[in-house]
């Protein structure tokens, strides 16, 4: 049995007996996303807090501009 399959079975066994398929899928999805995030960190594939702030400010400004343009066209 592969390591991935063993880990999935182990995770499922830890869930309550009354869990649904949706619960299982959500747990597996969460586990995969956390593992991918940790791998990204190890590989230096991250964005600094300051860069995120700059990107969000730029995005918010562009969204605000689009909203103002919509309103002015009415």
N, C-alpha and C. Protein backbone atom coordinates (compact mmCIF):
# COMPACT_ATOMS: atom_id res chain seq x y z
N UNK A 1 0.85 -1.18 0.00
CA UNK A 1 0.00 0.00 0.00
C UNK A 1 0.89 1.24 0.00
N UNK A 2 0.49 2.25 -0.76
CA UNK A 2 1.30 3.46 -0.84
C UNK A 2 1.17 4.28 0.44
N UNK A 3 2.15 5.15 0.65
CA UNK A 3 2.15 6.03 1.82
C UNK A 3 0.91 6.93 1.82
N UNK A 4 0.57 7.45 0.65
CA UNK A 4 -0.58 8.35 0.53
C UNK A 4 -1.87 7.63 0.94
N UNK A 5 -2.04 6.43 0.45
CA UNK A 5 -3.24 5.66 0.78
C UNK A 5 -3.27 5.33 2.27
N UNK A 6 -2.14 4.97 2.83
CA UNK A 6 -2.06 4.68 4.27
C UNK A 6 -2.44 5.91 5.09
N UNK A 7 -1.94 7.08 4.69
CA UNK A 7 -2.26 8.31 5.42
C UNK A 7 -3.74 8.65 5.31
N UNK A 8 -4.33 8.43 4.14
CA UNK A 8 -5.76 8.69 3.96
C UNK A 8 -6.59 7.78 4.85
N UNK A 9 -6.25 6.51 4.89
CA UNK A 9 -6.97 5.55 5.73
C UNK A 9 -6.83 5.92 7.21
N UNK A 10 -5.63 6.29 7.61
CA UNK A 10 -5.38 6.70 9.00
C UNK A 10 -6.25 7.92 9.36
N UNK A 11 -6.31 8.90 8.46
CA UNK A 11 -7.11 10.09 8.69
C UNK A 11 -8.60 9.72 8.82
N UNK A 12 -9.08 8.88 7.93
CA UNK A 12 -10.49 8.47 7.95
C UNK A 12 -10.82 7.74 9.24
N UNK A 13 -9.93 6.88 9.69
CA UNK A 13 -10.18 6.12 10.93
C UNK A 13 -10.29 7.03 12.16
N UNK A 14 -9.65 8.21 12.11
CA UNK A 14 -9.71 9.15 13.23
C UNK A 14 -11.03 9.93 13.28
N UNK A 15 -11.77 9.94 12.17
CA UNK A 15 -13.03 10.68 12.11
C UNK A 15 -14.12 9.95 12.89
N UNK A 16 -15.13 10.68 13.36
CA UNK A 16 -16.23 10.04 14.08
C UNK A 16 -16.98 9.06 13.17
N UNK A 17 -17.59 8.05 13.78
CA UNK A 17 -18.31 7.03 13.02
C UNK A 17 -19.45 7.63 12.20
N UNK A 18 -20.04 8.71 12.68
CA UNK A 18 -21.19 9.29 11.99
C UNK A 18 -20.80 10.33 10.93
N UNK A 19 -19.53 10.38 10.54
CA UNK A 19 -19.12 11.36 9.54
C UNK A 19 -19.68 10.99 8.17
N UNK A 20 -19.78 12.00 7.33
CA UNK A 20 -20.31 11.80 5.97
C UNK A 20 -19.16 11.75 4.96
N UNK A 21 -19.50 11.39 3.76
CA UNK A 21 -18.51 11.42 2.67
C UNK A 21 -17.98 12.84 2.51
N UNK A 22 -18.86 13.81 2.64
CA UNK A 22 -18.46 15.22 2.53
C UNK A 22 -17.44 15.56 3.61
N UNK A 23 -17.64 15.08 4.83
CA UNK A 23 -16.68 15.31 5.91
C UNK A 23 -15.32 14.71 5.57
N UNK A 24 -15.33 13.51 5.03
CA UNK A 24 -14.08 12.84 4.67
C UNK A 24 -13.35 13.62 3.58
N UNK A 25 -14.10 14.02 2.56
CA UNK A 25 -13.49 14.79 1.47
C UNK A 25 -12.92 16.10 1.99
N UNK A 26 -13.66 16.77 2.87
CA UNK A 26 -13.19 18.05 3.42
C UNK A 26 -11.91 17.86 4.21
N UNK A 27 -11.83 16.82 5.00
CA UNK A 27 -10.61 16.55 5.78
C UNK A 27 -9.43 16.24 4.88
N UNK A 28 -9.65 15.43 3.85
CA UNK A 28 -8.57 15.11 2.92
C UNK A 28 -8.11 16.35 2.16
N UNK A 29 -9.06 17.18 1.76
CA UNK A 29 -8.74 18.42 1.05
C UNK A 29 -7.92 19.34 1.95
N UNK A 30 -8.35 19.49 3.20
CA UNK A 30 -7.63 20.33 4.16
C UNK A 30 -6.20 19.82 4.35
N UNK A 31 -6.07 18.52 4.55
CA UNK A 31 -4.74 17.92 4.75
C UNK A 31 -3.84 18.19 3.54
N UNK A 32 -4.39 18.03 2.34
CA UNK A 32 -3.61 18.25 1.13
C UNK A 32 -3.17 19.70 1.03
N UNK A 33 -4.05 20.63 1.34
CA UNK A 33 -3.73 22.05 1.25
C UNK A 33 -2.66 22.45 2.28
N UNK A 34 -2.75 21.91 3.48
CA UNK A 34 -1.73 22.20 4.50
C UNK A 34 -0.39 21.65 4.05
N UNK A 35 -0.37 20.42 3.56
CA UNK A 35 0.88 19.83 3.09
C UNK A 35 1.48 20.63 1.94
N UNK A 36 0.64 21.09 1.02
CA UNK A 36 1.12 21.91 -0.09
C UNK A 36 1.69 23.23 0.42
N UNK A 37 1.04 23.83 1.39
CA UNK A 37 1.52 25.08 1.98
C UNK A 37 2.88 24.90 2.63
N UNK A 38 3.04 23.82 3.37
CA UNK A 38 4.33 23.55 4.02
C UNK A 38 5.43 23.32 2.98
N UNK A 39 5.08 22.62 1.90
CA UNK A 39 6.04 22.39 0.82
C UNK A 39 6.43 23.72 0.17
N UNK A 40 5.44 24.58 -0.05
CA UNK A 40 5.71 25.90 -0.63
C UNK A 40 6.67 26.70 0.25
N UNK A 41 6.47 26.64 1.55
CA UNK A 41 7.36 27.35 2.49
C UNK A 41 8.78 26.82 2.36
N UNK A 42 8.92 25.49 2.36
CA UNK A 42 10.25 24.88 2.24
C UNK A 42 10.95 25.30 0.95
N UNK A 43 10.18 25.49 -0.12
CA UNK A 43 10.74 25.84 -1.42
C UNK A 43 10.85 27.34 -1.64
N UNK A 44 10.51 28.11 -0.60
CA UNK A 44 10.62 29.56 -0.70
C UNK A 44 9.55 30.19 -1.58
N UNK A 45 8.46 29.49 -1.79
CA UNK A 45 7.37 29.97 -2.64
C UNK A 45 6.34 30.72 -1.78
N UNK A 46 6.80 31.79 -1.16
CA UNK A 46 5.93 32.55 -0.28
C UNK A 46 5.95 34.02 -0.67
N UNK A 47 5.02 34.77 -0.11
CA UNK A 47 4.93 36.21 -0.34
C UNK A 47 5.02 36.87 1.03
N UNK A 48 5.84 37.90 1.14
CA UNK A 48 5.99 38.56 2.43
C UNK A 48 4.70 39.28 2.82
N UNK A 49 4.56 39.52 4.09
CA UNK A 49 3.39 40.22 4.62
C UNK A 49 3.28 41.60 3.97
N UNK A 50 4.40 42.26 3.83
CA UNK A 50 4.41 43.60 3.22
C UNK A 50 3.94 43.55 1.77
N UNK A 51 4.37 42.55 1.02
CA UNK A 51 3.94 42.42 -0.37
C UNK A 51 2.43 42.16 -0.45
N UNK A 52 1.92 41.36 0.47
CA UNK A 52 0.48 41.10 0.50
C UNK A 52 -0.27 42.39 0.77
N UNK A 53 0.21 43.18 1.71
CA UNK A 53 -0.43 44.47 2.01
C UNK A 53 -0.47 45.36 0.76
N UNK A 54 0.65 45.43 0.05
CA UNK A 54 0.71 46.26 -1.17
C UNK A 54 -0.26 45.75 -2.23
N UNK A 55 -0.27 44.43 -2.43
CA UNK A 55 -1.16 43.84 -3.44
C UNK A 55 -2.63 44.09 -3.08
N UNK A 56 -2.96 43.93 -1.81
CA UNK A 56 -4.35 44.13 -1.38
C UNK A 56 -4.75 45.59 -1.54
N UNK A 57 -3.86 46.50 -1.22
CA UNK A 57 -4.17 47.93 -1.36
C UNK A 57 -4.39 48.26 -2.83
N UNK A 58 -3.55 47.72 -3.70
CA UNK A 58 -3.69 47.96 -5.14
C UNK A 58 -5.01 47.37 -5.65
N UNK A 59 -5.32 46.15 -5.20
CA UNK A 59 -6.56 45.50 -5.61
C UNK A 59 -7.77 46.30 -5.13
N UNK A 60 -7.76 46.70 -3.85
CA UNK A 60 -8.88 47.44 -3.29
C UNK A 60 -9.09 48.75 -4.05
N UNK A 61 -7.99 49.39 -4.40
CA UNK A 61 -8.08 50.65 -5.14
C UNK A 61 -8.69 50.41 -6.52
N UNK A 62 -8.28 49.34 -7.19
CA UNK A 62 -8.81 49.06 -8.53
C UNK A 62 -10.28 48.67 -8.47
N UNK A 63 -10.68 47.93 -7.47
CA UNK A 63 -12.08 47.56 -7.31
C UNK A 63 -12.91 48.79 -7.01
N UNK A 64 -12.40 49.65 -6.15
CA UNK A 64 -13.09 50.90 -5.84
C UNK A 64 -13.27 51.76 -7.08
N UNK A 65 -12.25 51.81 -7.92
CA UNK A 65 -12.32 52.59 -9.17
C UNK A 65 -13.39 52.01 -10.08
N UNK A 66 -13.44 50.71 -10.18
CA UNK A 66 -14.45 50.07 -11.03
C UNK A 66 -15.85 50.39 -10.52
N UNK A 67 -16.02 50.38 -9.21
CA UNK A 67 -17.33 50.69 -8.64
C UNK A 67 -17.72 52.14 -8.93
N UNK A 68 -16.76 53.04 -8.78
CA UNK A 68 -17.03 54.45 -9.06
C UNK A 68 -17.40 54.64 -10.54
N UNK A 69 -16.72 53.92 -11.43
CA UNK A 69 -17.03 54.02 -12.86
C UNK A 69 -18.43 53.52 -13.17
N UNK A 70 -18.85 52.45 -12.51
CA UNK A 70 -20.20 51.93 -12.72
C UNK A 70 -21.24 52.93 -12.28
N UNK A 71 -21.01 53.53 -11.14
CA UNK A 71 -21.97 54.49 -10.58
C UNK A 71 -22.06 55.73 -11.47
N UNK A 72 -20.91 56.21 -11.94
CA UNK A 72 -20.92 57.43 -12.76
C UNK A 72 -21.57 57.24 -14.12
N UNK A 73 -21.62 55.98 -14.62
CA UNK A 73 -22.25 55.71 -15.91
C UNK A 73 -23.77 55.66 -15.81
N UNK A 74 -24.31 55.53 -14.62
CA UNK A 74 -25.76 55.43 -14.44
C UNK A 74 -26.45 56.75 -14.57
